Amino acid sequence: MNLAIAYILVAVVASAAGQVLLKMGMNRAGALTLSFDTIVATLWKIGTNPYIVIGLLIYVTGTVFWLAALSRVDLSYAYPFASLSYIVMLLAGWYAFDEHINLVRVMGTLVVAIGVLIISRSA
């Protein structure tokens, strides 16, 4: 079980790191409009952005760890741990992107963390 939790935590951190890099890449790329006329240019813009490419690679790496975790524990046990990314993303948004974090967001994130703690005790 401990190895599965380690896999889950690596997956959560990799997912969050990947998302942060994706956001950094999109901040540099600017707003995208998805349309049939611009799809090739849009895909080129995405595919040549190093933040997006590296973010996707890290995200895929996290998915491999997630699959390893799912091979060891029940989905109903593992999946609530994925919500730990909310905590990581709250902090990353504040730190990396200077996002305003209000009390409601902090309280909601704490509720999620408490829920994960309760579920982790159920194994």
C-alpha atoms as a PDB file:
ATOM      1  CA  MET A   1       0.000   0.000   0.000  1.00  0.00           C
ATOM      2  CA  ASN A   2       2.821   2.456   0.811  1.00  0.00           C
ATOM      3  CA  LEU A   3       4.277   2.048  -2.681  1.00  0.00           C
ATOM      4  CA  ALA A   4       0.867   2.791  -4.176  1.00  0.00           C
ATOM      5  CA  ILE A   5       0.609   5.984  -2.125  1.00  0.00           C
ATOM      6  CA  ALA A   6       4.084   6.996  -3.294  1.00  0.00           C
ATOM      7  CA  TYR A   7       2.996   6.413  -6.894  1.00  0.00           C
ATOM      8  CA  ILE A   8      -0.147   8.459  -6.308  1.00  0.00           C
ATOM      9  CA  LEU A   9       1.812  11.339  -4.801  1.00  0.00           C
ATOM     10  CA  VAL A  10       4.307  11.344  -7.687  1.00  0.00           C
ATOM     11  CA  ALA A  11       1.362  11.350 -10.106  1.00  0.00           C
ATOM     12  CA  VAL A  12      -0.260  14.279  -8.291  1.00  0.00           C
ATOM     13  CA  VAL A  13       2.937  16.334  -8.221  1.00  0.00           C
ATOM     14  CA  ALA A  14       3.734  15.550 -11.867  1.00  0.00           C
ATOM     15  CA  SER A  15       0.202  16.438 -12.895  1.00  0.00           C
ATOM     16  CA  ALA A  16       0.393  19.744 -11.054  1.00  0.00           C
ATOM     17  CA  ALA A  17       3.858  20.548 -12.421  1.00  0.00           C
ATOM     18  CA  GLY A  18       2.671  19.717 -15.914  1.00  0.00           C
ATOM     19  CA  GLN A  19      -0.350  21.977 -15.512  1.00  0.00           C
ATOM     20  CA  VAL A  20       1.819  24.850 -14.269  1.00  0.00           C
ATOM     21  CA  LEU A  21       4.054  24.521 -17.324  1.00  0.00           C
ATOM     22  CA  LEU A  22       1.017  24.322 -19.600  1.00  0.00           C
ATOM     23  CA  LYS A  23      -0.301  27.543 -18.078  1.00  0.00           C
ATOM     24  CA  MET A  24       3.091  29.223 -18.483  1.00  0.00           C
ATOM     25  CA  GLY A  25       3.129  28.153 -22.110  1.00  0.00           C
ATOM     26  CA  MET A  26      -0.372  29.446 -22.726  1.00  0.00           C
ATOM     27  CA  ASN A  27       0.455  32.752 -21.046  1.00  0.00           C
ATOM     28  CA  ARG A  28       3.233  33.140 -23.606  1.00  0.00           C
ATOM     29  CA  ALA A  29       1.145  31.861 -26.529  1.00  0.00           C
ATOM     30  CA  GLY A  30      -1.834  34.052 -25.793  1.00  0.00           C
ATOM     31  CA  ALA A  31      -5.519  33.253 -26.085  1.00  0.00           C
ATOM     32  CA  LEU A  32      -6.363  30.591 -28.631  1.00  0.00           C
ATOM     33  CA  THR A  33      -9.432  30.459 -30.796  1.00  0.00           C
ATOM     34  CA  LEU A  34     -10.304  27.005 -32.026  1.00  0.00           C
ATOM     35  CA  SER A  35     -11.650  27.028 -35.544  1.00  0.00           C
ATOM     36  CA  PHE A  36     -11.264  24.920 -38.633  1.00  0.00           C
ATOM     37  CA  ASP A  37      -9.458  27.748 -40.435  1.00  0.00           C
ATOM     38  CA  THR A  38      -6.762  28.173 -37.801  1.00  0.00           C
ATOM     39  CA  ILE A  39      -6.271  24.629 -36.515  1.00  0.00           C
ATOM     40  CA  VAL A  40      -2.908  24.053 -38.231  1.00  0.00           C
ATOM     41  CA  ALA A  41      -1.473  27.365 -37.022  1.00  0.00           C
ATOM     42  CA  THR A  42      -2.855  26.724 -33.552  1.00  0.00           C
ATOM     43  CA  LEU A  43      -1.351  23.243 -33.369  1.00  0.00           C
ATOM     44  CA  TRP A  44       1.977  24.630 -34.595  1.00  0.00           C
ATOM     45  CA  LYS A  45       1.893  27.338 -31.931  1.00  0.00           C
ATOM     46  CA  ILE A  46       1.191  24.734 -29.254  1.00  0.00           C
ATOM     47  CA  GLY A  47       3.639  22.132 -30.559  1.00  0.00           C
ATOM     48  CA  THR A  48       6.573  24.527 -30.774  1.00  0.00           C
ATOM     49  CA  ASN A  49       6.108  26.047 -27.337  1.00  0.00           C
ATOM     50  CA  PRO A  50       8.731  24.447 -25.040  1.00  0.00           C
ATOM     51  CA  TYR A  51       6.675  25.039 -21.897  1.00  0.00           C
ATOM     52  CA  ILE A  52       3.732  23.187 -23.393  1.00  0.00           C
ATOM     53  CA  VAL A  53       5.841  20.317 -24.745  1.00  0.00           C
ATOM     54  CA  ILE A  54       7.682  19.818 -21.449  1.00  0.00           C
ATOM     55  CA  GLY A  55       4.439  20.245 -19.495  1.00  0.00           C
ATOM     56  CA  LEU A  56       2.796  17.506 -21.556  1.00  0.00           C
ATOM     57  CA  LEU A  57       5.786  15.189 -21.065  1.00  0.00           C
ATOM     58  CA  ILE A  58       5.672  15.678 -17.305  1.00  0.00           C
ATOM     59  CA  TYR A  59       1.909  15.165 -17.327  1.00  0.00           C
ATOM     60  CA  VAL A  60       2.318  11.887 -19.248  1.00  0.00           C
ATOM     61  CA  THR A  61       4.983  10.770 -16.773  1.00  0.00           C
ATOM     62  CA  GLY A  62       2.513  11.408 -13.967  1.00  0.00           C
ATOM     63  CA  THR A  63      -0.058   9.334 -15.826  1.00  0.00           C
ATOM     64  CA  VAL A  64       2.347   6.374 -15.893  1.00  0.00           C
ATOM     65  CA  PHE A  65       2.725   6.605 -12.107  1.00  0.00           C
ATOM     66  CA  TRP A  66      -1.063   6.912 -11.778  1.00  0.00           C
ATOM     67  CA  LEU A  67      -1.504   3.711 -13.780  1.00  0.00           C
ATOM     68  CA  ALA A  68       1.030   1.957 -11.550  1.00  0.00           C
ATOM     69  CA  ALA A  69      -0.954   3.081  -8.506  1.00  0.00           C
ATOM     70  CA  LEU A  70      -4.243   1.903 -10.018  1.00  0.00           C
ATOM     71  CA  SER A  71      -2.713  -1.515 -10.576  1.00  0.00           C
ATOM     72  CA  ARG A  72      -2.236  -1.784  -6.794  1.00  0.00           C
ATOM     73  CA  VAL A  73      -5.254  -0.149  -5.116  1.00  0.00           C
ATOM     74  CA  ASP A  74      -8.979   0.368  -5.637  1.00  0.00           C
ATOM     75  CA  LEU A  75     -10.007   3.287  -7.798  1.00  0.00           C
ATOM     76  CA  SER A  76     -12.351   4.495  -5.052  1.00  0.00           C
ATOM     77  CA  TYR A  77      -9.329   4.706  -2.744  1.00  0.00           C
ATOM     78  CA  ALA A  78      -6.871   6.251  -5.210  1.00  0.00           C
ATOM     79  CA  TYR A  79      -9.051   8.812  -6.938  1.00  0.00           C
ATOM     80  CA  PRO A  80      -9.686  11.120  -3.972  1.00  0.00           C
ATOM     81  CA  PHE A  81      -5.918  11.547  -3.703  1.00  0.00           C
ATOM     82  CA  ALA A  82      -5.976  13.179  -7.130  1.00  0.00           C
ATOM     83  CA  SER A  83      -7.779  16.066  -5.474  1.00  0.00           C
ATOM     84  CA  LEU A  84      -4.543  16.840  -3.639  1.00  0.00           C
ATOM     85  CA  SER A  85      -3.614  18.586  -6.858  1.00  0.00           C
ATOM     86  CA  TYR A  86      -6.126  21.284  -5.832  1.00  0.00           C
ATOM     87  CA  ILE A  87      -3.874  22.151  -2.915  1.00  0.00           C
ATOM     88  CA  VAL A  88      -0.763  22.153  -5.065  1.00  0.00           C
ATOM     89  CA  MET A  89      -2.482  24.236  -7.748  1.00  0.00           C
ATOM     90  CA  LEU A  90      -3.755  26.771  -5.226  1.00  0.00           C
ATOM     91  CA  LEU A  91      -0.203  27.326  -4.034  1.00  0.00           C
ATOM     92  CA  ALA A  92       1.225  27.272  -7.568  1.00  0.00           C
ATOM     93  CA  GLY A  93      -1.312  29.815  -8.787  1.00  0.00           C
ATOM     94  CA  TRP A  94      -0.417  32.114  -5.943  1.00  0.00           C
ATOM     95  CA  TYR A  95       3.346  31.637  -6.209  1.00  0.00           C
ATOM     96  CA  ALA A  96       3.963  31.271  -9.954  1.00  0.00           C
ATOM     97  CA  PHE A  97       1.215  33.477 -11.362  1.00  0.00           C
ATOM     98  CA  ASP A  98       0.589  35.954  -8.544  1.00  0.00           C
ATOM     99  CA  GLU A  99      -3.062  34.931  -8.403  1.00  0.00           C
ATOM    100  CA  HIS A 100      -5.215  36.352  -5.649  1.00  0.00           C
ATOM    101  CA  ILE A 101      -6.138  33.617  -3.177  1.00  0.00           C
ATOM    102  CA  ASN A 102      -9.092  34.492  -0.966  1.00  0.00           C
ATOM    103  CA  LEU A 103     -10.352  32.850   2.203  1.00  0.00           C
ATOM    104  CA  VAL A 104     -13.111  30.954   0.388  1.00  0.00           C
ATOM    105  CA  ARG A 105     -10.565  29.237  -1.884  1.00  0.00           C
ATOM    106  CA  VAL A 106      -8.362  28.358   1.081  1.00  0.00           C
ATOM    107  CA  MET A 107     -11.303  26.965   3.070  1.00  0.00           C
ATOM    108  CA  GLY A 108     -12.526  24.910   0.116  1.00  0.00           C
ATOM    109  CA  THR A 109      -9.060  23.496  -0.386  1.00  0.00           C
ATOM    110  CA  LEU A 110      -8.818  22.603   3.306  1.00  0.00           C
ATOM    111  CA  VAL A 111     -12.122  20.734   3.075  1.00  0.00           C
ATOM    112  CA  VAL A 112     -10.677  18.711   0.184  1.00  0.00           C
ATOM    113  CA  ALA A 113      -7.517  17.975   2.188  1.00  0.00           C
ATOM    114  CA  ILE A 114      -9.557  16.792   5.167  1.00  0.00           C
ATOM    115  CA  GLY A 115     -11.568  14.537   2.878  1.00  0.00           C
ATOM    116  CA  VAL A 116      -8.397  12.967   1.492  1.00  0.00           C
ATOM    117  CA  LEU A 117      -7.116  12.409   5.029  1.00  0.00           C
ATOM    118  CA  ILE A 118     -10.338  10.633   5.988  1.00  0.00           C
ATOM    119  CA  ILE A 119     -10.231   8.411   2.902  1.00  0.00           C
ATOM    120  CA  SER A 120      -6.546   7.590   3.399  1.00  0.00           C
ATOM    121  CA  ARG A 121      -7.445   6.152   6.806  1.00  0.00           C
ATOM    122  CA  SER A 122     -10.002   3.773   5.251  1.00  0.00           C
ATOM    123  CA  ALA A 123      -7.548   1.327   3.714  1.00  0.00           C
END
